[in-house]
Amino acid sequence: MPKLGSKTTDDLGRKVLYPEVSVELCTGDDLLTADKAKELLRWQELEVKKGATFTDRNGKPVRCNAVGLRQRLFTPSLARQWMCEILGRPGQGINPETNLGGNWQLTGETIVIGRTGLCIEGQHRLVGLIWAVQEWAKEPDKFPAWQEEPAINALIVKGISEAPEVVNVMNTGKPRSLADAIVACGLFGDVDPKSLRVLSRMADYAVRLL
């Protein structure tokens, strides 16, 4: 019987699936698909809502066995936000540089899978992708940016420690605001930093007011 915290089990006695850290780049001909997202989440459809993580876009109770332990609680509204990002705006076409539809680009942000298979980071992106595919399958003509089933660029890291001192330092930075995004897009051209800060905040408030 292996000791807890050994190479084969963690400190809770869970089986270690990824003892070594590895990195997988999903791009080009090997994009992240909904089926692969389900594998990472350990997606399980249930007959009843009891014990479900959420109800999917087809009204089916689902439990994600890789979600819920030592991570943020699942927030459906955030998954819906990712779903909308992936599907893109109505009328948006294919990006000729990536041959991908929607708003999705490779940003370098990682989906992090722990040593025992827990989805430490990226659960909402993965669910958002699956929900996007479910919505697209219902009415593909509604999403002209996708001629085929949605799939996205992604960077997946496996084998990260699931210890609280590791998990609790993730996503602790300052979130990017709309004003930050406006600065990054160069909307106001070449102006001094002080004026740019004021202009970007004014644009931020104006957009939210509208």
C-alpha atoms as a PDB file:
ATOM      1  CA  MET A   1       0.000   0.000   0.000  1.00  0.00           C
ATOM      2  CA  PRO A   2       1.683   3.265  -1.104  1.00  0.00           C
ATOM      3  CA  LYS A   3       2.130   6.084   1.366  1.00  0.00           C
ATOM      4  CA  LEU A   4      -0.004   9.189   1.041  1.00  0.00           C
ATOM      5  CA  GLY A   5       1.842  11.911  -0.787  1.00  0.00           C
ATOM      6  CA  SER A   6       3.992   9.410  -2.676  1.00  0.00           C
ATOM      7  CA  LYS A   7       4.533   9.262  -6.426  1.00  0.00           C
ATOM      8  CA  THR A   8       1.367   7.172  -6.824  1.00  0.00           C
ATOM      9  CA  THR A   9      -1.030   8.977  -4.446  1.00  0.00           C
ATOM     10  CA  ASP A  10      -1.482  12.541  -3.211  1.00  0.00           C
ATOM     11  CA  ASP A  11      -1.992  13.665   0.396  1.00  0.00           C
ATOM     12  CA  LEU A  12      -5.703  12.759   0.197  1.00  0.00           C
ATOM     13  CA  GLY A  13      -4.985   9.290  -1.118  1.00  0.00           C
ATOM     14  CA  ARG A  14      -6.085  10.161  -4.672  1.00  0.00           C
ATOM     15  CA  LYS A  15      -4.372   8.325  -7.526  1.00  0.00           C
ATOM     16  CA  VAL A  16      -1.712  10.370  -9.310  1.00  0.00           C
ATOM     17  CA  LEU A  17      -2.392  10.418 -13.056  1.00  0.00           C
ATOM     18  CA  TYR A  18       0.324  12.866 -14.120  1.00  0.00           C
ATOM     19  CA  PRO A  19       3.451  12.431 -11.960  1.00  0.00           C
ATOM     20  CA  GLU A  20       5.560  14.641 -14.245  1.00  0.00           C
ATOM     21  CA  VAL A  21       4.830  18.140 -15.552  1.00  0.00           C
ATOM     22  CA  SER A  22       4.055  18.209 -19.279  1.00  0.00           C
ATOM     23  CA  VAL A  23       2.876  20.862 -21.726  1.00  0.00           C
ATOM     24  CA  GLU A  24       0.541  20.299 -24.679  1.00  0.00           C
ATOM     25  CA  LEU A  25      -0.018  22.904 -27.389  1.00  0.00           C
ATOM     26  CA  CYS A  26      -3.398  22.540 -29.098  1.00  0.00           C
ATOM     27  CA  THR A  27      -3.231  24.537 -32.305  1.00  0.00           C
ATOM     28  CA  GLY A  28      -3.145  24.099 -36.083  1.00  0.00           C
ATOM     29  CA  ASP A  29      -4.499  20.653 -36.956  1.00  0.00           C
ATOM     30  CA  ASP A  30      -4.717  19.646 -33.291  1.00  0.00           C
ATOM     31  CA  LEU A  31      -7.119  22.171 -31.761  1.00  0.00           C
ATOM     32  CA  LEU A  32      -8.858  21.657 -28.437  1.00  0.00           C
ATOM     33  CA  THR A  33     -12.230  20.043 -29.187  1.00  0.00           C
ATOM     34  CA  ALA A  34     -15.317  19.595 -27.057  1.00  0.00           C
ATOM     35  CA  ASP A  35     -14.613  15.859 -26.776  1.00  0.00           C
ATOM     36  CA  LYS A  36     -11.140  16.524 -25.409  1.00  0.00           C
ATOM     37  CA  ALA A  37     -12.548  19.162 -23.036  1.00  0.00           C
ATOM     38  CA  LYS A  38     -14.961  16.533 -21.705  1.00  0.00           C
ATOM     39  CA  GLU A  39     -12.062  14.164 -21.072  1.00  0.00           C
ATOM     40  CA  LEU A  40     -10.166  16.829 -19.122  1.00  0.00           C
ATOM     41  CA  LEU A  41     -13.275  17.681 -17.070  1.00  0.00           C
ATOM     42  CA  ARG A  42     -14.194  13.988 -16.648  1.00  0.00           C
ATOM     43  CA  TRP A  43     -17.657  14.897 -17.911  1.00  0.00           C
ATOM     44  CA  GLN A  44     -20.454  12.597 -16.723  1.00  0.00           C
ATOM     45  CA  GLU A  45     -24.107  12.928 -17.743  1.00  0.00           C
ATOM     46  CA  LEU A  46     -26.575  12.093 -14.975  1.00  0.00           C
ATOM     47  CA  GLU A  47     -30.197  11.029 -14.931  1.00  0.00           C
ATOM     48  CA  VAL A  48     -31.106  13.287 -11.997  1.00  0.00           C
ATOM     49  CA  LYS A  49     -29.931  16.738 -10.896  1.00  0.00           C
ATOM     50  CA  LYS A  50     -28.728  15.571  -7.483  1.00  0.00           C
ATOM     51  CA  GLY A  51     -24.938  15.702  -7.441  1.00  0.00           C
ATOM     52  CA  ALA A  52     -24.731  17.587 -10.749  1.00  0.00           C
ATOM     53  CA  THR A  53     -22.232  20.404 -11.250  1.00  0.00           C
ATOM     54  CA  PHE A  54     -24.646  22.141 -13.630  1.00  0.00           C
ATOM     55  CA  THR A  55     -27.276  21.577 -16.320  1.00  0.00           C
ATOM     56  CA  ASP A  56     -25.826  21.787 -19.832  1.00  0.00           C
ATOM     57  CA  ARG A  57     -27.261  23.662 -22.843  1.00  0.00           C
ATOM     58  CA  ASN A  58     -29.364  20.624 -23.722  1.00  0.00           C
ATOM     59  CA  GLY A  59     -30.969  20.517 -20.271  1.00  0.00           C
ATOM     60  CA  LYS A  60     -28.958  17.479 -19.192  1.00  0.00           C
ATOM     61  CA  PRO A  61     -27.606  17.287 -15.601  1.00  0.00           C
ATOM     62  CA  VAL A  62     -23.825  16.947 -15.730  1.00  0.00           C
ATOM     63  CA  ARG A  63     -21.191  16.248 -13.122  1.00  0.00           C
ATOM     64  CA  CYS A  64     -17.607  17.243 -13.886  1.00  0.00           C
ATOM     65  CA  ASN A  65     -15.574  14.900 -11.728  1.00  0.00           C
ATOM     66  CA  ALA A  66     -12.407  16.983 -12.231  1.00  0.00           C
ATOM     67  CA  VAL A  67     -14.119  20.093 -10.836  1.00  0.00           C
ATOM     68  CA  GLY A  68     -14.962  21.113  -7.289  1.00  0.00           C
ATOM     69  CA  LEU A  69     -12.042  20.082  -5.081  1.00  0.00           C
ATOM     70  CA  ARG A  70      -9.333  22.611  -4.161  1.00  0.00           C
ATOM     71  CA  GLN A  71     -10.408  25.198  -6.706  1.00  0.00           C
ATOM     72  CA  ARG A  72     -12.886  28.002  -7.282  1.00  0.00           C
ATOM     73  CA  LEU A  73     -16.547  27.069  -7.241  1.00  0.00           C
ATOM     74  CA  PHE A  74     -18.061  26.671 -10.690  1.00  0.00           C
ATOM     75  CA  THR A  75     -19.884  29.824 -11.876  1.00  0.00           C
ATOM     76  CA  PRO A  76     -22.334  29.197 -14.771  1.00  0.00           C
ATOM     77  CA  SER A  77     -22.385  32.852 -15.848  1.00  0.00           C
ATOM     78  CA  LEU A  78     -18.613  32.790 -16.408  1.00  0.00           C
ATOM     79  CA  ALA A  79     -18.886  29.635 -18.515  1.00  0.00           C
ATOM     80  CA  ARG A  80     -21.630  31.322 -20.567  1.00  0.00           C
ATOM     81  CA  GLN A  81     -19.322  34.295 -21.075  1.00  0.00           C
ATOM     82  CA  TRP A  82     -16.630  32.013 -22.485  1.00  0.00           C
ATOM     83  CA  MET A  83     -19.256  30.303 -24.654  1.00  0.00           C
ATOM     84  CA  CYS A  84     -20.208  33.647 -26.197  1.00  0.00           C
ATOM     85  CA  GLU A  85     -16.554  34.591 -26.719  1.00  0.00           C
ATOM     86  CA  ILE A  86     -15.913  31.362 -28.584  1.00  0.00           C
ATOM     87  CA  LEU A  87     -19.046  31.546 -30.730  1.00  0.00           C
ATOM     88  CA  GLY A  88     -18.339  35.160 -31.640  1.00  0.00           C
ATOM     89  CA  ARG A  89     -20.642  37.992 -32.592  1.00  0.00           C
ATOM     90  CA  PRO A  90     -23.426  37.460 -35.156  1.00  0.00           C
ATOM     91  CA  GLY A  91     -22.057  38.029 -38.640  1.00  0.00           C
ATOM     92  CA  GLN A  92     -18.437  37.692 -37.584  1.00  0.00           C
ATOM     93  CA  GLY A  93     -16.408  35.752 -40.131  1.00  0.00           C
ATOM     94  CA  ILE A  94     -13.387  33.488 -40.170  1.00  0.00           C
ATOM     95  CA  ASN A  95     -10.043  34.977 -39.160  1.00  0.00           C
ATOM     96  CA  PRO A  96      -7.817  34.430 -42.240  1.00  0.00           C
ATOM     97  CA  GLU A  97      -4.656  34.221 -40.112  1.00  0.00           C
ATOM     98  CA  THR A  98      -5.866  31.439 -37.819  1.00  0.00           C
ATOM     99  CA  ASN A  99      -8.737  29.997 -39.883  1.00  0.00           C
ATOM    100  CA  LEU A 100     -10.782  30.122 -36.666  1.00  0.00           C
ATOM    101  CA  GLY A 101     -14.164  31.675 -36.119  1.00  0.00           C
ATOM    102  CA  GLY A 102     -15.384  33.708 -33.174  1.00  0.00           C
ATOM    103  CA  ASN A 103     -13.120  35.812 -30.989  1.00  0.00           C
ATOM    104  CA  TRP A 104     -10.732  33.066 -29.949  1.00  0.00           C
ATOM    105  CA  GLN A 105      -6.959  33.488 -30.277  1.00  0.00           C
ATOM    106  CA  LEU A 106      -4.023  31.781 -28.613  1.00  0.00           C
ATOM    107  CA  THR A 107      -3.128  34.042 -25.678  1.00  0.00           C
ATOM    108  CA  GLY A 108      -0.640  31.855 -23.834  1.00  0.00           C
ATOM    109  CA  GLU A 109      -2.987  31.479 -20.860  1.00  0.00           C
ATOM    110  CA  THR A 110      -2.900  27.895 -19.685  1.00  0.00           C
ATOM    111  CA  ILE A 111      -5.443  25.284 -18.766  1.00  0.00           C
ATOM    112  CA  VAL A 112      -3.917  23.618 -15.708  1.00  0.00           C
ATOM    113  CA  ILE A 113      -4.559  19.991 -14.798  1.00  0.00           C
ATOM    114  CA  GLY A 114      -3.278  18.754 -11.439  1.00  0.00           C
ATOM    115  CA  ARG A 115      -1.337  15.603 -10.635  1.00  0.00           C
ATOM    116  CA  THR A 116      -4.512  13.625  -9.870  1.00  0.00           C
ATOM    117  CA  GLY A 117      -6.447  15.034 -12.820  1.00  0.00           C
ATOM    118  CA  LEU A 118      -8.201  17.923 -11.085  1.00  0.00           C
ATOM    119  CA  CYS A 119      -8.873  20.892 -13.357  1.00  0.00           C
ATOM    120  CA  ILE A 120      -7.118  23.562 -11.305  1.00  0.00           C
ATOM    121  CA  GLU A 121      -7.384  26.324 -13.886  1.00  0.00           C
ATOM    122  CA  GLY A 122      -9.565  26.586 -16.996  1.00  0.00           C
ATOM    123  CA  GLN A 123     -12.769  24.834 -15.953  1.00  0.00           C
ATOM    124  CA  HIS A 124     -14.953  27.679 -17.218  1.00  0.00           C
ATOM    125  CA  ARG A 125     -13.136  27.827 -20.570  1.00  0.00           C
ATOM    126  CA  LEU A 126     -13.544  24.083 -21.052  1.00  0.00           C
ATOM    127  CA  VAL A 127     -17.248  24.116 -20.174  1.00  0.00           C
ATOM    128  CA  GLY A 128     -17.689  27.234 -22.334  1.00  0.00           C
ATOM    129  CA  LEU A 129     -16.251  25.361 -25.317  1.00  0.00           C
ATOM    130  CA  ILE A 130     -18.570  22.388 -24.771  1.00  0.00           C
ATOM    131  CA  TRP A 131     -21.581  24.673 -24.394  1.00  0.00           C
ATOM    132  CA  ALA A 132     -20.546  26.558 -27.540  1.00  0.00           C
ATOM    133  CA  VAL A 133     -20.537  23.303 -29.489  1.00  0.00           C
ATOM    134  CA  GLN A 134     -23.948  22.390 -28.088  1.00  0.00           C
ATOM    135  CA  GLU A 135     -25.407  25.761 -29.128  1.00  0.00           C
ATOM    136  CA  TRP A 136     -23.756  25.544 -32.557  1.00  0.00           C
ATOM    137  CA  ALA A 137     -25.158  22.023 -33.109  1.00  0.00           C
ATOM    138  CA  LYS A 138     -28.699  23.289 -32.519  1.00  0.00           C
ATOM    139  CA  GLU A 139     -28.536  26.142 -35.051  1.00  0.00           C
ATOM    140  CA  PRO A 140     -25.268  26.181 -37.022  1.00  0.00           C
ATOM    141  CA  ASP A 141     -26.599  28.851 -39.403  1.00  0.00           C
ATOM    142  CA  LYS A 142     -26.864  31.222 -36.451  1.00  0.00           C
ATOM    143  CA  PHE A 143     -23.073  31.228 -36.102  1.00  0.00           C
ATOM    144  CA  PRO A 144     -21.592  31.925 -39.561  1.00  0.00           C
ATOM    145  CA  ALA A 145     -18.109  32.301 -38.096  1.00  0.00           C
ATOM    146  CA  TRP A 146     -18.054  28.525 -37.653  1.00  0.00           C
ATOM    147  CA  GLN A 147     -18.502  26.362 -40.735  1.00  0.00           C
ATOM    148  CA  GLU A 148     -17.466  23.335 -38.678  1.00  0.00           C
ATOM    149  CA  GLU A 149     -17.844  22.389 -35.025  1.00  0.00           C
ATOM    150  CA  PRO A 150     -16.109  25.018 -32.838  1.00  0.00           C
ATOM    151  CA  ALA A 151     -12.623  24.164 -31.608  1.00  0.00           C
ATOM    152  CA  ILE A 152     -10.057  26.473 -30.060  1.00  0.00           C
ATOM    153  CA  ASN A 153      -6.356  27.119 -29.597  1.00  0.00           C
ATOM    154  CA  ALA A 154      -5.193  26.166 -26.116  1.00  0.00           C
ATOM    155  CA  LEU A 155      -2.131  25.526 -23.997  1.00  0.00           C
ATOM    156  CA  ILE A 156      -2.574  22.681 -21.502  1.00  0.00           C
ATOM    157  CA  VAL A 157      -0.211  22.007 -18.599  1.00  0.00           C
ATOM    158  CA  LYS A 158      -0.557  18.728 -16.706  1.00  0.00           C
ATOM    159  CA  GLY A 159       1.054  17.431 -13.537  1.00  0.00           C
ATOM    160  CA  ILE A 160       0.950  20.599 -11.391  1.00  0.00           C
ATOM    161  CA  SER A 161       0.812  20.178  -7.609  1.00  0.00           C
ATOM    162  CA  GLU A 162      -2.691  20.439  -6.148  1.00  0.00           C
ATOM    163  CA  ALA A 163      -1.437  21.612  -2.748  1.00  0.00           C
ATOM    164  CA  PRO A 164      -3.295  24.678  -1.367  1.00  0.00           C
ATOM    165  CA  GLU A 165      -0.129  26.796  -1.334  1.00  0.00           C
ATOM    166  CA  VAL A 166       0.153  26.249  -5.100  1.00  0.00           C
ATOM    167  CA  VAL A 167      -3.511  26.553  -6.081  1.00  0.00           C
ATOM    168  CA  ASN A 168      -4.112  29.641  -3.940  1.00  0.00           C
ATOM    169  CA  VAL A 169      -1.575  31.783  -5.817  1.00  0.00           C
ATOM    170  CA  MET A 170      -3.360  31.294  -9.150  1.00  0.00           C
ATOM    171  CA  ASN A 171      -5.541  34.116 -10.480  1.00  0.00           C
ATOM    172  CA  THR A 172      -4.556  36.496  -7.708  1.00  0.00           C
ATOM    173  CA  GLY A 173      -3.395  39.254 -10.056  1.00  0.00           C
ATOM    174  CA  LYS A 174      -5.399  42.363 -10.943  1.00  0.00           C
ATOM    175  CA  PRO A 175      -8.106  41.531 -13.517  1.00  0.00           C
ATOM    176  CA  ARG A 176      -7.873  43.385 -16.835  1.00  0.00           C
ATOM    177  CA  SER A 177     -10.561  46.072 -16.964  1.00  0.00           C
ATOM    178  CA  LEU A 178     -12.241  47.480 -20.063  1.00  0.00           C
ATOM    179  CA  ALA A 179     -10.082  50.590 -19.633  1.00  0.00           C
ATOM    180  CA  ASP A 180      -6.978  48.364 -19.753  1.00  0.00           C
ATOM    181  CA  ALA A 181      -8.237  46.773 -22.965  1.00  0.00           C
ATOM    182  CA  ILE A 182      -8.872  50.199 -24.504  1.00  0.00           C
ATOM    183  CA  VAL A 183      -5.291  51.251 -23.700  1.00  0.00           C
ATOM    184  CA  ALA A 184      -3.951  48.036 -25.256  1.00  0.00           C
ATOM    185  CA  CYS A 185      -5.865  48.502 -28.524  1.00  0.00           C
ATOM    186  CA  GLY A 186      -4.351  51.944 -29.155  1.00  0.00           C
ATOM    187  CA  LEU A 187      -7.718  53.619 -29.665  1.00  0.00           C
ATOM    188  CA  PHE A 188      -6.465  57.100 -28.698  1.00  0.00           C
ATOM    189  CA  GLY A 189      -3.215  57.000 -30.618  1.00  0.00           C
ATOM    190  CA  ASP A 190      -0.010  58.597 -29.374  1.00  0.00           C
ATOM    191  CA  VAL A 191      -0.958  60.529 -26.233  1.00  0.00           C
ATOM    192  CA  ASP A 192       0.901  60.954 -22.955  1.00  0.00           C
ATOM    193  CA  PRO A 193       0.285  58.291 -20.236  1.00  0.00           C
ATOM    194  CA  LYS A 194      -1.604  60.651 -17.918  1.00  0.00           C
ATOM    195  CA  SER A 195      -4.073  61.687 -20.629  1.00  0.00           C
ATOM    196  CA  LEU A 196      -4.366  58.097 -21.846  1.00  0.00           C
ATOM    197  CA  ARG A 197      -5.380  56.957 -18.354  1.00  0.00           C
ATOM    198  CA  VAL A 198      -8.122  59.612 -18.207  1.00  0.00           C
ATOM    199  CA  LEU A 199      -9.379  58.957 -21.745  1.00  0.00           C
ATOM    200  CA  SER A 200      -9.487  55.180 -21.308  1.00  0.00           C
ATOM    201  CA  ARG A 201     -11.479  55.484 -18.070  1.00  0.00           C
ATOM    202  CA  MET A 202     -13.907  57.901 -19.703  1.00  0.00           C
ATOM    203  CA  ALA A 203     -14.436  55.455 -22.576  1.00  0.00           C
ATOM    204  CA  ASP A 204     -14.862  52.608 -20.070  1.00  0.00           C
ATOM    205  CA  TYR A 205     -17.598  54.474 -18.173  1.00  0.00           C
ATOM    206  CA  ALA A 206     -19.285  55.557 -21.425  1.00  0.00           C
ATOM    207  CA  VAL A 207     -19.476  51.987 -22.722  1.00  0.00           C
ATOM    208  CA  ARG A 208     -20.867  50.662 -19.428  1.00  0.00           C
ATOM    209  CA  LEU A 209     -23.406  53.510 -19.310  1.00  0.00           C
ATOM    210  CA  LEU A 210     -24.630  52.618 -22.810  1.00  0.00           C
END
